[in-house]
Amino acid sequence: MNIVETYAPTLKHLEEQLRPHDPVIISWTAGPQPGTRNSDMWGTEPYILIQTEDPYKRDGEPDVILIRSETDCEVFTELETYPITFQKVLEYLAQLPRPLWSFTS
């Protein structure tokens, strides 16, 4: 089962652009999912939620990235929320150091 196809099929084209960065994404989800606790937390529109592997992350820095469209994305930290575009999300992911296993065949 592909979680984006199931819960946010209108964002499949964005998921495809995120896939090359999978080695630096430590968790994926999509929604909204029926019966989920805190269903109000991420809204009622389709979304992709990712958490990244950032070796330079410090306490209080971005925890998750919420993606609703090319122009509607947000970075959530412990203290604040910041707007970001999908293109900037891709740029951020591209500059993260990849783990060694991602280079093996």
PDB file of N, CA and C in Angstrom:
ATOM      1  N   MET A   1       0.842  -1.180   0.000  1.00  0.00           N
ATOM      2  CA  MET A   1       0.000   0.000   0.000  1.00  0.00           C
ATOM      3  C   MET A   1       0.886   1.243   0.000  1.00  0.00           C
ATOM      4  N   ASN A   2       0.596   2.148  -0.869  1.00  0.00           N
ATOM      5  CA  ASN A   2       1.276   3.428  -0.892  1.00  0.00           C
ATOM      6  C   ASN A   2       0.388   4.418  -0.151  1.00  0.00           C
ATOM      7  N   ILE A   3       0.905   4.945   0.931  1.00  0.00           N
ATOM      8  CA  ILE A   3       0.104   5.802   1.802  1.00  0.00           C
ATOM      9  C   ILE A   3      -0.339   7.093   1.105  1.00  0.00           C
ATOM     10  N   VAL A   4       0.490   7.643   0.210  1.00  0.00           N
ATOM     11  CA  VAL A   4       0.105   8.861  -0.495  1.00  0.00           C
ATOM     12  C   VAL A   4      -1.015   8.559  -1.488  1.00  0.00           C
ATOM     13  N   GLU A   5      -0.902   7.461  -2.232  1.00  0.00           N
ATOM     14  CA  GLU A   5      -1.979   7.089  -3.168  1.00  0.00           C
ATOM     15  C   GLU A   5      -3.299   6.866  -2.438  1.00  0.00           C
ATOM     16  N   THR A   6      -3.220   6.309  -1.242  1.00  0.00           N
ATOM     17  CA  THR A   6      -4.422   5.988  -0.486  1.00  0.00           C
ATOM     18  C   THR A   6      -5.078   7.226   0.128  1.00  0.00           C
ATOM     19  N   TYR A   7      -4.287   8.081   0.789  1.00  0.00           N
ATOM     20  CA  TYR A   7      -4.864   9.176   1.566  1.00  0.00           C
ATOM     21  C   TYR A   7      -4.694  10.571   0.953  1.00  0.00           C
ATOM     22  N   ALA A   8      -3.770  10.731   0.016  1.00  0.00           N
ATOM     23  CA  ALA A   8      -3.560  12.052  -0.602  1.00  0.00           C
ATOM     24  C   ALA A   8      -3.222  11.888  -2.080  1.00  0.00           C
ATOM     25  N   PRO A   9      -4.087  11.222  -2.851  1.00  0.00           N
ATOM     26  CA  PRO A   9      -3.762  10.933  -4.246  1.00  0.00           C
ATOM     27  C   PRO A   9      -3.499  12.165  -5.106  1.00  0.00           C
ATOM     28  N   THR A  10      -4.046  13.308  -4.723  1.00  0.00           N
ATOM     29  CA  THR A  10      -3.805  14.526  -5.503  1.00  0.00           C
ATOM     30  C   THR A  10      -2.375  15.036  -5.342  1.00  0.00           C
ATOM     31  N   LEU A  11      -1.621  14.462  -4.396  1.00  0.00           N
ATOM     32  CA  LEU A  11      -0.239  14.883  -4.158  1.00  0.00           C
ATOM     33  C   LEU A  11       0.780  13.864  -4.661  1.00  0.00           C
ATOM     34  N   LYS A  12       0.316  12.890  -5.425  1.00  0.00           N
ATOM     35  CA  LYS A  12       1.212  11.847  -5.947  1.00  0.00           C
ATOM     36  C   LYS A  12       2.383  12.449  -6.732  1.00  0.00           C
ATOM     37  N   HIS A  13       2.135  13.507  -7.505  1.00  0.00           N
ATOM     38  CA  HIS A  13       3.203  14.133  -8.285  1.00  0.00           C
ATOM     39  C   HIS A  13       4.281  14.741  -7.379  1.00  0.00           C
ATOM     40  N   LEU A  14       3.906  15.179  -6.184  1.00  0.00           N
ATOM     41  CA  LEU A  14       4.893  15.710  -5.238  1.00  0.00           C
ATOM     42  C   LEU A  14       5.670  14.570  -4.579  1.00  0.00           C
ATOM     43  N   GLU A  15       4.979  13.488  -4.274  1.00  0.00           N
ATOM     44  CA  GLU A  15       5.663  12.321  -3.707  1.00  0.00           C
ATOM     45  C   GLU A  15       6.743  11.828  -4.662  1.00  0.00           C
ATOM     46  N   GLU A  16       6.441  11.800  -5.945  1.00  0.00           N
ATOM     47  CA  GLU A  16       7.420  11.336  -6.937  1.00  0.00           C
ATOM     48  C   GLU A  16       8.672  12.202  -6.923  1.00  0.00           C
ATOM     49  N   GLN A  17       8.521  13.501  -6.678  1.00  0.00           N
ATOM     50  CA  GLN A  17       9.673  14.385  -6.605  1.00  0.00           C
ATOM     51  C   GLN A  17      10.449  14.222  -5.294  1.00  0.00           C
ATOM     52  N   LEU A  18       9.766  13.756  -4.252  1.00  0.00           N
ATOM     53  CA  LEU A  18      10.419  13.514  -2.963  1.00  0.00           C
ATOM     54  C   LEU A  18      11.196  12.194  -2.938  1.00  0.00           C
ATOM     55  N   ARG A  19      10.773  11.216  -3.719  1.00  0.00           N
ATOM     56  CA  ARG A  19      11.370   9.872  -3.680  1.00  0.00           C
ATOM     57  C   ARG A  19      12.894   9.843  -3.836  1.00  0.00           C
ATOM     58  N   PRO A  20      13.516  10.640  -4.717  1.00  0.00           N
ATOM     59  CA  PRO A  20      14.975  10.608  -4.806  1.00  0.00           C
ATOM     60  C   PRO A  20      15.668  10.999  -3.484  1.00  0.00           C
ATOM     61  N   HIS A  21      14.933  11.660  -2.612  1.00  0.00           N
ATOM     62  CA  HIS A  21      15.494  12.099  -1.332  1.00  0.00           C
ATOM     63  C   HIS A  21      15.143  11.147  -0.189  1.00  0.00           C
ATOM     64  N   ASP A  22      14.610  10.004  -0.501  1.00  0.00           N
ATOM     65  CA  ASP A  22      14.183   9.050   0.514  1.00  0.00           C
ATOM     66  C   ASP A  22      15.279   8.705   1.535  1.00  0.00           C
ATOM     67  N   PRO A  23      16.560   8.611   1.143  1.00  0.00           N
ATOM     68  CA  PRO A  23      17.583   8.284   2.140  1.00  0.00           C
ATOM     69  C   PRO A  23      17.710   9.302   3.279  1.00  0.00           C
ATOM     70  N   VAL A  24      17.272  10.523   3.091  1.00  0.00           N
ATOM     71  CA  VAL A  24      17.367  11.521   4.160  1.00  0.00           C
ATOM     72  C   VAL A  24      16.012  11.809   4.809  1.00  0.00           C
ATOM     73  N   ILE A  25      14.978  11.081   4.388  1.00  0.00           N
ATOM     74  CA  ILE A  25      13.650  11.204   4.999  1.00  0.00           C
ATOM     75  C   ILE A  25      13.473   9.996   5.909  1.00  0.00           C
ATOM     76  N   ILE A  26      13.344  10.245   7.217  1.00  0.00           N
ATOM     77  CA  ILE A  26      13.258   9.112   8.141  1.00  0.00           C
ATOM     78  C   ILE A  26      11.829   8.634   8.373  1.00  0.00           C
ATOM     79  N   SER A  27      10.848   9.475   8.061  1.00  0.00           N
ATOM     80  CA  SER A  27       9.472   8.996   8.151  1.00  0.00           C
ATOM     81  C   SER A  27       8.576   9.767   7.188  1.00  0.00           C
ATOM     82  N   TRP A  28       7.566   9.059   6.682  1.00  0.00           N
ATOM     83  CA  TRP A  28       6.565   9.587   5.747  1.00  0.00           C
ATOM     84  C   TRP A  28       5.192   9.250   6.291  1.00  0.00           C
ATOM     85  N   THR A  29       4.253  10.108   6.033  1.00  0.00           N
ATOM     86  CA  THR A  29       2.855   9.766   6.205  1.00  0.00           C
ATOM     87  C   THR A  29       2.041  10.675   5.288  1.00  0.00           C
ATOM     88  N   ALA A  30       0.783  10.388   5.161  1.00  0.00           N
ATOM     89  CA  ALA A  30      -0.113  11.202   4.340  1.00  0.00           C
ATOM     90  C   ALA A  30      -1.487  11.184   4.984  1.00  0.00           C
ATOM     91  N   GLY A  31      -2.275  12.137   4.628  1.00  0.00           N
ATOM     92  CA  GLY A  31      -3.596  12.191   5.220  1.00  0.00           C
ATOM     93  C   GLY A  31      -4.462  13.194   4.496  1.00  0.00           C
ATOM     94  N   PRO A  32      -5.603  13.436   5.053  1.00  0.00           N
ATOM     95  CA  PRO A  32      -6.064  12.982   6.357  1.00  0.00           C
ATOM     96  C   PRO A  32      -6.506  11.519   6.334  1.00  0.00           C
ATOM     97  N   GLN A  33      -6.278  10.851   7.442  1.00  0.00           N
ATOM     98  CA  GLN A  33      -6.650   9.446   7.572  1.00  0.00           C
ATOM     99  C   GLN A  33      -7.869   9.337   8.477  1.00  0.00           C
ATOM    100  N   PRO A  34      -8.865   8.583   8.046  1.00  0.00           N
ATOM    101  CA  PRO A  34     -10.073   8.464   8.868  1.00  0.00           C
ATOM    102  C   PRO A  34      -9.769   7.767  10.194  1.00  0.00           C
ATOM    103  N   GLY A  35     -10.407   8.258  11.252  1.00  0.00           N
ATOM    104  CA  GLY A  35     -10.270   7.647  12.561  1.00  0.00           C
ATOM    105  C   GLY A  35      -8.986   7.974  13.298  1.00  0.00           C
ATOM    106  N   THR A  36      -8.205   8.902  12.770  1.00  0.00           N
ATOM    107  CA  THR A  36      -6.954   9.261  13.416  1.00  0.00           C
ATOM    108  C   THR A  36      -7.207  10.201  14.576  1.00  0.00           C
ATOM    109  N   ARG A  37      -6.515   9.940  15.703  1.00  0.00           N
ATOM    110  CA  ARG A  37      -6.590  10.894  16.811  1.00  0.00           C
ATOM    111  C   ARG A  37      -5.982  12.206  16.353  1.00  0.00           C
ATOM    112  N   ASN A  38      -6.416  13.291  16.888  1.00  0.00           N
ATOM    113  CA  ASN A  38      -5.923  14.622  16.532  1.00  0.00           C
ATOM    114  C   ASN A  38      -6.073  14.903  15.037  1.00  0.00           C
ATOM    115  N   SER A  39      -7.190  14.511  14.467  1.00  0.00           N
ATOM    116  CA  SER A  39      -7.391  14.704  13.029  1.00  0.00           C
ATOM    117  C   SER A  39      -7.392  16.183  12.645  1.00  0.00           C
ATOM    118  N   ASP A  40      -7.587  17.070  13.603  1.00  0.00           N
ATOM    119  CA  ASP A  40      -7.571  18.503  13.316  1.00  0.00           C
ATOM    120  C   ASP A  40      -6.143  19.057  13.206  1.00  0.00           C
ATOM    121  N   MET A  41      -5.177  18.303  13.667  1.00  0.00           N
ATOM    122  CA  MET A  41      -3.813  18.806  13.767  1.00  0.00           C
ATOM    123  C   MET A  41      -3.234  19.268  12.431  1.00  0.00           C
ATOM    124  N   TRP A  42      -3.416  18.493  11.377  1.00  0.00           N
ATOM    125  CA  TRP A  42      -2.816  18.822  10.079  1.00  0.00           C
ATOM    126  C   TRP A  42      -3.841  19.328   9.078  1.00  0.00           C
ATOM    127  N   GLY A  43      -5.099  19.398   9.454  1.00  0.00           N
ATOM    128  CA  GLY A  43      -6.130  19.929   8.577  1.00  0.00           C
ATOM    129  C   GLY A  43      -6.881  18.845   7.830  1.00  0.00           C
ATOM    130  N   THR A  44      -7.854  19.282   7.040  1.00  0.00           N
ATOM    131  CA  THR A  44      -8.724  18.354   6.335  1.00  0.00           C
ATOM    132  C   THR A  44      -8.368  18.201   4.859  1.00  0.00           C
ATOM    133  N   GLU A  45      -7.449  19.023   4.362  1.00  0.00           N
ATOM    134  CA  GLU A  45      -6.994  18.916   2.971  1.00  0.00           C
ATOM    135  C   GLU A  45      -5.905  17.851   2.876  1.00  0.00           C
ATOM    136  N   PRO A  46      -5.751  17.199   1.709  1.00  0.00           N
ATOM    137  CA  PRO A  46      -4.694  16.197   1.550  1.00  0.00           C
ATOM    138  C   PRO A  46      -3.308  16.779   1.862  1.00  0.00           C
ATOM    139  N   TYR A  47      -2.474  15.957   2.498  1.00  0.00           N
ATOM    140  CA  TYR A  47      -1.135  16.396   2.847  1.00  0.00           C
ATOM    141  C   TYR A  47      -0.154  15.227   2.869  1.00  0.00           C
ATOM    142  N   ILE A  48       1.113  15.585   2.765  1.00  0.00           N
ATOM    143  CA  ILE A  48       2.224  14.666   3.000  1.00  0.00           C
ATOM    144  C   ILE A  48       2.989  15.259   4.172  1.00  0.00           C
ATOM    145  N   LEU A  49       3.371  14.420   5.105  1.00  0.00           N
ATOM    146  CA  LEU A  49       4.125  14.856   6.270  1.00  0.00           C
ATOM    147  C   LEU A  49       5.429  14.062   6.295  1.00  0.00           C
ATOM    148  N   ILE A  50       6.571  14.768   6.322  1.00  0.00           N
ATOM    149  CA  ILE A  50       7.858  14.076   6.350  1.00  0.00           C
ATOM    150  C   ILE A  50       8.695  14.566   7.526  1.00  0.00           C
ATOM    151  N   GLN A  51       9.557  13.682   7.981  1.00  0.00           N
ATOM    152  CA  GLN A  51      10.554  14.030   8.986  1.00  0.00           C
ATOM    153  C   GLN A  51      11.907  13.684   8.387  1.00  0.00           C
ATOM    154  N   THR A  52      12.878  14.581   8.522  1.00  0.00           N
ATOM    155  CA  THR A  52      14.158  14.385   7.862  1.00  0.00           C
ATOM    156  C   THR A  52      15.248  13.924   8.819  1.00  0.00           C
ATOM    157  N   GLU A  53      16.279  13.343   8.229  1.00  0.00           N
ATOM    158  CA  GLU A  53      17.487  12.954   8.955  1.00  0.00           C
ATOM    159  C   GLU A  53      18.490  14.072   8.743  1.00  0.00           C
ATOM    160  N   ASP A  54      18.628  14.930   9.728  1.00  0.00           N
ATOM    161  CA  ASP A  54      19.539  16.069   9.629  1.00  0.00           C
ATOM    162  C   ASP A  54      20.547  15.983  10.768  1.00  0.00           C
ATOM    163  N   PRO A  55      21.787  15.617  10.458  1.00  0.00           N
ATOM    164  CA  PRO A  55      22.779  15.444  11.527  1.00  0.00           C
ATOM    165  C   PRO A  55      23.139  16.748  12.245  1.00  0.00           C
ATOM    166  N   TYR A  56      22.769  17.873  11.664  1.00  0.00           N
ATOM    167  CA  TYR A  56      23.104  19.163  12.265  1.00  0.00           C
ATOM    168  C   TYR A  56      21.948  19.775  13.044  1.00  0.00           C
ATOM    169  N   LYS A  57      20.837  19.051  13.139  1.00  0.00           N
ATOM    170  CA  LYS A  57      19.649  19.570  13.819  1.00  0.00           C
ATOM    171  C   LYS A  57      19.931  19.747  15.311  1.00  0.00           C
ATOM    172  N   ARG A  58      19.515  20.891  15.812  1.00  0.00           N
ATOM    173  CA  ARG A  58      19.626  21.171  17.240  1.00  0.00           C
ATOM    174  C   ARG A  58      18.226  21.241  17.839  1.00  0.00           C
ATOM    175  N   ASP A  59      18.151  21.160  19.138  1.00  0.00           N
ATOM    176  CA  ASP A  59      16.855  21.275  19.816  1.00  0.00           C
ATOM    177  C   ASP A  59      16.137  22.542  19.374  1.00  0.00           C
ATOM    178  N   GLY A  60      14.852  22.424  19.124  1.00  0.00           N
ATOM    179  CA  GLY A  60      14.055  23.569  18.723  1.00  0.00           C
ATOM    180  C   GLY A  60      14.047  23.835  17.230  1.00  0.00           C
ATOM    181  N   GLU A  61      14.876  23.129  16.474  1.00  0.00           N
ATOM    182  CA  GLU A  61      14.899  23.316  15.019  1.00  0.00           C
ATOM    183  C   GLU A  61      13.860  22.407  14.370  1.00  0.00           C
ATOM    184  N   PRO A  62      13.653  22.541  13.051  1.00  0.00           N
ATOM    185  CA  PRO A  62      12.552  21.843  12.392  1.00  0.00           C
ATOM    186  C   PRO A  62      12.438  20.362  12.726  1.00  0.00           C
ATOM    187  N   ASP A  63      11.218  19.973  13.053  1.00  0.00           N
ATOM    188  CA  ASP A  63      10.922  18.583  13.363  1.00  0.00           C
ATOM    189  C   ASP A  63      10.260  17.879  12.189  1.00  0.00           C
ATOM    190  N   VAL A  64       9.249  18.522  11.602  1.00  0.00           N
ATOM    191  CA  VAL A  64       8.521  17.919  10.486  1.00  0.00           C
ATOM    192  C   VAL A  64       8.202  18.975   9.436  1.00  0.00           C
ATOM    193  N   ILE A  65       7.968  18.475   8.220  1.00  0.00           N
ATOM    194  CA  ILE A  65       7.578  19.346   7.113  1.00  0.00           C
ATOM    195  C   ILE A  65       6.225  18.870   6.614  1.00  0.00           C
ATOM    196  N   LEU A  66       5.259  19.766   6.581  1.00  0.00           N
ATOM    197  CA  LEU A  66       3.908  19.492   6.107  1.00  0.00           C
ATOM    198  C   LEU A  66       3.791  20.038   4.692  1.00  0.00           C
ATOM    199  N   ILE A  67       3.391  19.177   3.749  1.00  0.00           N
ATOM    200  CA  ILE A  67       3.297  19.552   2.338  1.00  0.00           C
ATOM    201  C   ILE A  67       1.853  19.401   1.883  1.00  0.00           C
ATOM    202  N   ARG A  68       1.236  20.509   1.446  1.00  0.00           N
ATOM    203  CA  ARG A  68      -0.141  20.482   0.940  1.00  0.00           C
ATOM    204  C   ARG A  68      -0.201  20.756  -0.561  1.00  0.00           C
ATOM    205  N   SER A  69       0.806  21.494  -1.069  1.00  0.00           N
ATOM    206  CA  SER A  69       0.861  21.826  -2.498  1.00  0.00           C
ATOM    207  C   SER A  69       2.241  22.396  -2.780  1.00  0.00           C
ATOM    208  N   GLU A  70       2.466  22.805  -4.026  1.00  0.00           N
ATOM    209  CA  GLU A  70       3.747  23.406  -4.403  1.00  0.00           C
ATOM    210  C   GLU A  70       3.996  24.713  -3.664  1.00  0.00           C
ATOM    211  N   THR A  71       2.942  25.399  -3.296  1.00  0.00           N
ATOM    212  CA  THR A  71       3.099  26.702  -2.645  1.00  0.00           C
ATOM    213  C   THR A  71       2.664  26.719  -1.183  1.00  0.00           C
ATOM    214  N   ASP A  72       2.112  25.635  -0.699  1.00  0.00           N
ATOM    215  CA  ASP A  72       1.612  25.582   0.673  1.00  0.00           C
ATOM    216  C   ASP A  72       2.294  24.459   1.442  1.00  0.00           C
ATOM    217  N   CYS A  73       3.423  24.801   2.043  1.00  0.00           N
ATOM    218  CA  CYS A  73       4.167  23.871   2.886  1.00  0.00           C
ATOM    219  C   CYS A  73       4.532  24.614   4.163  1.00  0.00           C
ATOM    220  N   GLU A  74       4.721  23.857   5.244  1.00  0.00           N
ATOM    221  CA  GLU A  74       5.101  24.466   6.511  1.00  0.00           C
ATOM    222  C   GLU A  74       6.149  23.609   7.193  1.00  0.00           C
ATOM    223  N   VAL A  75       7.066  24.288   7.878  1.00  0.00           N
ATOM    224  CA  VAL A  75       8.080  23.631   8.690  1.00  0.00           C
ATOM    225  C   VAL A  75       7.658  23.836  10.139  1.00  0.00           C
ATOM    226  N   PHE A  76       7.536  22.739  10.887  1.00  0.00           N
ATOM    227  CA  PHE A  76       7.127  22.805  12.282  1.00  0.00           C
ATOM    228  C   PHE A  76       8.324  22.542  13.191  1.00  0.00           C
ATOM    229  N   THR A  77       8.515  23.428  14.162  1.00  0.00           N
ATOM    230  CA  THR A  77       9.524  23.230  15.189  1.00  0.00           C
ATOM    231  C   THR A  77       8.784  23.080  16.512  1.00  0.00           C
ATOM    232  N   GLU A  78       9.549  22.902  17.561  1.00  0.00           N
ATOM    233  CA  GLU A  78       8.922  22.803  18.881  1.00  0.00           C
ATOM    234  C   GLU A  78       8.220  24.103  19.260  1.00  0.00           C
ATOM    235  N   LEU A  79       8.748  25.228  18.744  1.00  0.00           N
ATOM    236  CA  LEU A  79       8.250  26.528  19.179  1.00  0.00           C
ATOM    237  C   LEU A  79       7.461  27.306  18.136  1.00  0.00           C
ATOM    238  N   GLU A  80       7.777  27.116  16.843  1.00  0.00           N
ATOM    239  CA  GLU A  80       7.166  27.941  15.808  1.00  0.00           C
ATOM    240  C   GLU A  80       6.861  27.141  14.555  1.00  0.00           C
ATOM    241  N   THR A  81       6.136  27.802  13.642  1.00  0.00           N
ATOM    242  CA  THR A  81       5.833  27.249  12.335  1.00  0.00           C
ATOM    243  C   THR A  81       6.286  28.258  11.293  1.00  0.00           C
ATOM    244  N   TYR A  82       6.941  27.754  10.232  1.00  0.00           N
ATOM    245  CA  TYR A  82       7.454  28.622   9.179  1.00  0.00           C
ATOM    246  C   TYR A  82       6.905  28.191   7.829  1.00  0.00           C
ATOM    247  N   PRO A  83       6.491  29.148   6.982  1.00  0.00           N
ATOM    248  CA  PRO A  83       6.062  28.794   5.625  1.00  0.00           C
ATOM    249  C   PRO A  83       7.283  28.502   4.752  1.00  0.00           C
ATOM    250  N   ILE A  84       7.085  27.627   3.766  1.00  0.00           N
ATOM    251  CA  ILE A  84       8.147  27.281   2.821  1.00  0.00           C
ATOM    252  C   ILE A  84       7.466  26.790   1.539  1.00  0.00           C
ATOM    253  N   THR A  85       8.124  26.938   0.405  1.00  0.00           N
ATOM    254  CA  THR A  85       7.571  26.395  -0.838  1.00  0.00           C
ATOM    255  C   THR A  85       8.086  24.974  -1.037  1.00  0.00           C
ATOM    256  N   PHE A  86       7.426  24.224  -1.879  1.00  0.00           N
ATOM    257  CA  PHE A  86       7.855  22.861  -2.159  1.00  0.00           C
ATOM    258  C   PHE A  86       9.236  22.857  -2.815  1.00  0.00           C
ATOM    259  N   GLN A  87       9.505  23.813  -3.685  1.00  0.00           N
ATOM    260  CA  GLN A  87      10.824  23.905  -4.313  1.00  0.00           C
ATOM    261  C   GLN A  87      11.917  24.072  -3.263  1.00  0.00           C
ATOM    262  N   LYS A  88      11.670  24.876  -2.248  1.00  0.00           N
ATOM    263  CA  LYS A  88      12.648  25.067  -1.166  1.00  0.00           C
ATOM    264  C   LYS A  88      12.795  23.794  -0.328  1.00  0.00           C
ATOM    265  N   VAL A  89      11.718  23.034  -0.168  1.00  0.00           N
ATOM    266  CA  VAL A  89      11.811  21.744   0.521  1.00  0.00           C
ATOM    267  C   VAL A  89      12.763  20.834  -0.248  1.00  0.00           C
ATOM    268  N   LEU A  90      12.598  20.774  -1.576  1.00  0.00           N
ATOM    269  CA  LEU A  90      13.480  19.939  -2.401  1.00  0.00           C
ATOM    270  C   LEU A  90      14.933  20.406  -2.306  1.00  0.00           C
ATOM    271  N   GLU A  91      15.148  21.705  -2.305  1.00  0.00           N
ATOM    272  CA  GLU A  91      16.507  22.238  -2.177  1.00  0.00           C
ATOM    273  C   GLU A  91      17.106  21.858  -0.824  1.00  0.00           C
ATOM    274  N   TYR A  92      16.320  21.953   0.213  1.00  0.00           N
ATOM    275  CA  TYR A  92      16.779  21.566   1.553  1.00  0.00           C
ATOM    276  C   TYR A  92      17.164  20.084   1.579  1.00  0.00           C
ATOM    277  N   LEU A  93      16.295  19.239   1.055  1.00  0.00           N
ATOM    278  CA  LEU A  93      16.568  17.799   1.054  1.00  0.00           C
ATOM    279  C   LEU A  93      17.811  17.464   0.235  1.00  0.00           C
ATOM    280  N   ALA A  94      18.011  18.159  -0.877  1.00  0.00           N
ATOM    281  CA  ALA A  94      19.154  17.888  -1.752  1.00  0.00           C
ATOM    282  C   ALA A  94      20.488  18.209  -1.088  1.00  0.00           C
ATOM    283  N   GLN A  95      20.511  19.144  -0.165  1.00  0.00           N
ATOM    284  CA  GLN A  95      21.776  19.523   0.448  1.00  0.00           C
ATOM    285  C   GLN A  95      22.104  18.723   1.710  1.00  0.00           C
ATOM    286  N   LEU A  96      21.163  17.915   2.196  1.00  0.00           N
ATOM    287  CA  LEU A  96      21.446  17.111   3.387  1.00  0.00           C
ATOM    288  C   LEU A  96      22.454  16.005   3.070  1.00  0.00           C
ATOM    289  N   PRO A  97      23.336  15.729   3.999  1.00  0.00           N
ATOM    290  CA  PRO A  97      24.273  14.616   3.771  1.00  0.00           C
ATOM    291  C   PRO A  97      23.519  13.282   3.756  1.00  0.00           C
ATOM    292  N   ARG A  98      23.830  12.469   2.754  1.00  0.00           N
ATOM    293  CA  ARG A  98      23.184  11.176   2.634  1.00  0.00           C
ATOM    294  C   ARG A  98      23.981  10.127   3.406  1.00  0.00           C
ATOM    295  N   PRO A  99      23.280   9.156   3.991  1.00  0.00           N
ATOM    296  CA  PRO A  99      24.000   8.077   4.677  1.00  0.00           C
ATOM    297  C   PRO A  99      24.745   7.202   3.654  1.00  0.00           C
ATOM    298  N   LEU A 100      25.807   6.583   4.093  1.00  0.00           N
ATOM    299  CA  LEU A 100      26.652   5.773   3.212  1.00  0.00           C
ATOM    300  C   LEU A 100      25.850   4.703   2.467  1.00  0.00           C
ATOM    301  N   TRP A 101      24.891   4.055   3.133  1.00  0.00           N
ATOM    302  CA  TRP A 101      24.134   2.968   2.505  1.00  0.00           C
ATOM    303  C   TRP A 101      23.389   3.432   1.256  1.00  0.00           C
ATOM    304  N   SER A 102      23.081   4.739   1.155  1.00  0.00           N
ATOM    305  CA  SER A 102      22.339   5.212  -0.012  1.00  0.00           C
ATOM    306  C   SER A 102      23.180   5.195  -1.288  1.00  0.00           C
ATOM    307  N   PHE A 103      24.486   5.016  -1.153  1.00  0.00           N
ATOM    308  CA  PHE A 103      25.375   4.966  -2.318  1.00  0.00           C
ATOM    309  C   PHE A 103      25.694   3.537  -2.764  1.00  0.00           C
ATOM    310  N   THR A 104      25.247   2.555  -1.999  1.00  0.00           N
ATOM    311  CA  THR A 104      25.514   1.164  -2.368  1.00  0.00           C
ATOM    312  C   THR A 104      24.517   0.684  -3.405  1.00  0.00           C
ATOM    313  N   SER A 105      24.889  -0.352  -4.122  1.00  0.00           N
ATOM    314  CA  SER A 105      23.984  -0.851  -5.162  1.00  0.00           C
ATOM    315  C   SER A 105      23.250  -2.097  -4.735  1.00  0.00           C
TER     316      SER A 105
END
